[in-house]
Amino acid sequence: MPGLLAVDLARVLAGPFAMMMCADLGARVIKVERPGRGDDSRTCGPFIDGRSMYFARVNRGRQSIVR
């Protein structure tokens, strides 16, 4: 998938998981998050140093913007 640009508008698990696989395969993925709150999964535990490890794992390998 190198050279592919994907915009991630998904929430919860299925969409972010699919975009995680695209990023793992080399696509450039841009995640769009809600202003002021970000993605809902940022509030899901477990937490390390105040960061959601669930969010970090499922949303790895992508850039985030707020729109």
Protein backbone atom coordinates (compact mmCIF):
# COMPACT_ATOMS: atom_id res chain seq x y z
CA MET A 1 0.00 0.00 0.00
CA PRO A 2 2.90 2.44 -0.21
CA GLY A 3 1.83 5.64 -1.93
CA LEU A 4 -1.77 5.33 -0.69
CA LEU A 5 -3.29 8.13 1.40
CA ALA A 6 -6.27 7.23 3.60
CA VAL A 7 -8.43 9.54 5.72
CA ASP A 8 -9.68 7.87 8.91
CA LEU A 9 -13.07 9.18 10.07
CA ALA A 10 -13.91 6.00 12.00
CA ARG A 11 -14.52 5.51 15.72
CA VAL A 12 -14.64 2.62 18.18
CA LEU A 13 -12.89 -0.58 16.96
CA ALA A 14 -13.61 -1.93 13.46
CA GLY A 15 -12.70 1.21 11.49
CA PRO A 16 -9.60 2.11 13.50
CA PHE A 17 -8.45 -1.52 13.33
CA ALA A 18 -8.80 -1.54 9.53
CA MET A 19 -6.86 1.73 9.28
CA MET A 20 -4.19 0.29 11.62
CA MET A 21 -3.68 -2.55 9.16
CA CYS A 22 -3.45 -0.07 6.24
CA ALA A 23 -0.81 1.93 8.15
CA ASP A 24 1.09 -1.26 9.00
CA LEU A 25 1.16 -2.09 5.28
CA GLY A 26 2.66 1.31 4.42
CA ALA A 27 -0.29 3.62 3.70
CA ARG A 28 -0.19 7.19 5.00
CA VAL A 29 -3.23 7.43 7.29
CA ILE A 30 -4.61 10.71 8.64
CA LYS A 31 -7.04 10.38 11.55
CA VAL A 32 -9.62 13.15 11.95
CA GLU A 33 -10.69 13.72 15.57
CA ARG A 34 -13.37 15.85 17.22
CA PRO A 35 -12.32 19.28 18.50
CA GLY A 36 -11.92 19.53 22.27
CA ARG A 37 -12.47 15.82 22.93
CA GLY A 38 -10.51 13.83 20.42
CA ASP A 39 -11.45 10.23 19.75
CA ASP A 40 -13.68 8.49 22.31
CA SER A 41 -11.15 5.68 22.69
CA ARG A 42 -8.71 8.12 24.34
CA THR A 43 -10.79 7.60 27.52
CA CYS A 44 -10.50 3.77 27.50
CA GLY A 45 -8.03 2.07 29.82
CA PRO A 46 -5.58 0.75 30.61
CA PHE A 47 -3.58 3.95 31.08
CA ILE A 48 0.16 4.48 31.35
CA ASP A 49 1.37 7.97 32.28
CA GLY A 50 -2.15 9.28 31.61
CA ARG A 51 -2.29 7.92 28.02
CA SER A 52 -4.74 5.28 26.84
CA MET A 53 -2.82 2.22 25.72
CA TYR A 54 -5.93 1.04 23.85
CA PHE A 55 -5.92 4.24 21.78
CA ALA A 56 -2.15 4.11 21.24
CA ARG A 57 -2.26 0.51 20.02
CA VAL A 58 -5.23 0.71 17.67
CA ASN A 59 -4.32 4.14 16.28
CA ARG A 60 -0.60 3.57 15.81
CA GLY A 61 1.17 4.61 12.64
CA ARG A 62 -1.02 7.56 11.69
CA GLN A 63 -1.15 11.29 11.90
CA SER A 64 -4.03 13.03 13.71
CA ILE A 65 -5.77 16.30 12.96
CA VAL A 66 -8.72 18.02 14.62
CA ARG A 67 -11.42 19.33 12.35
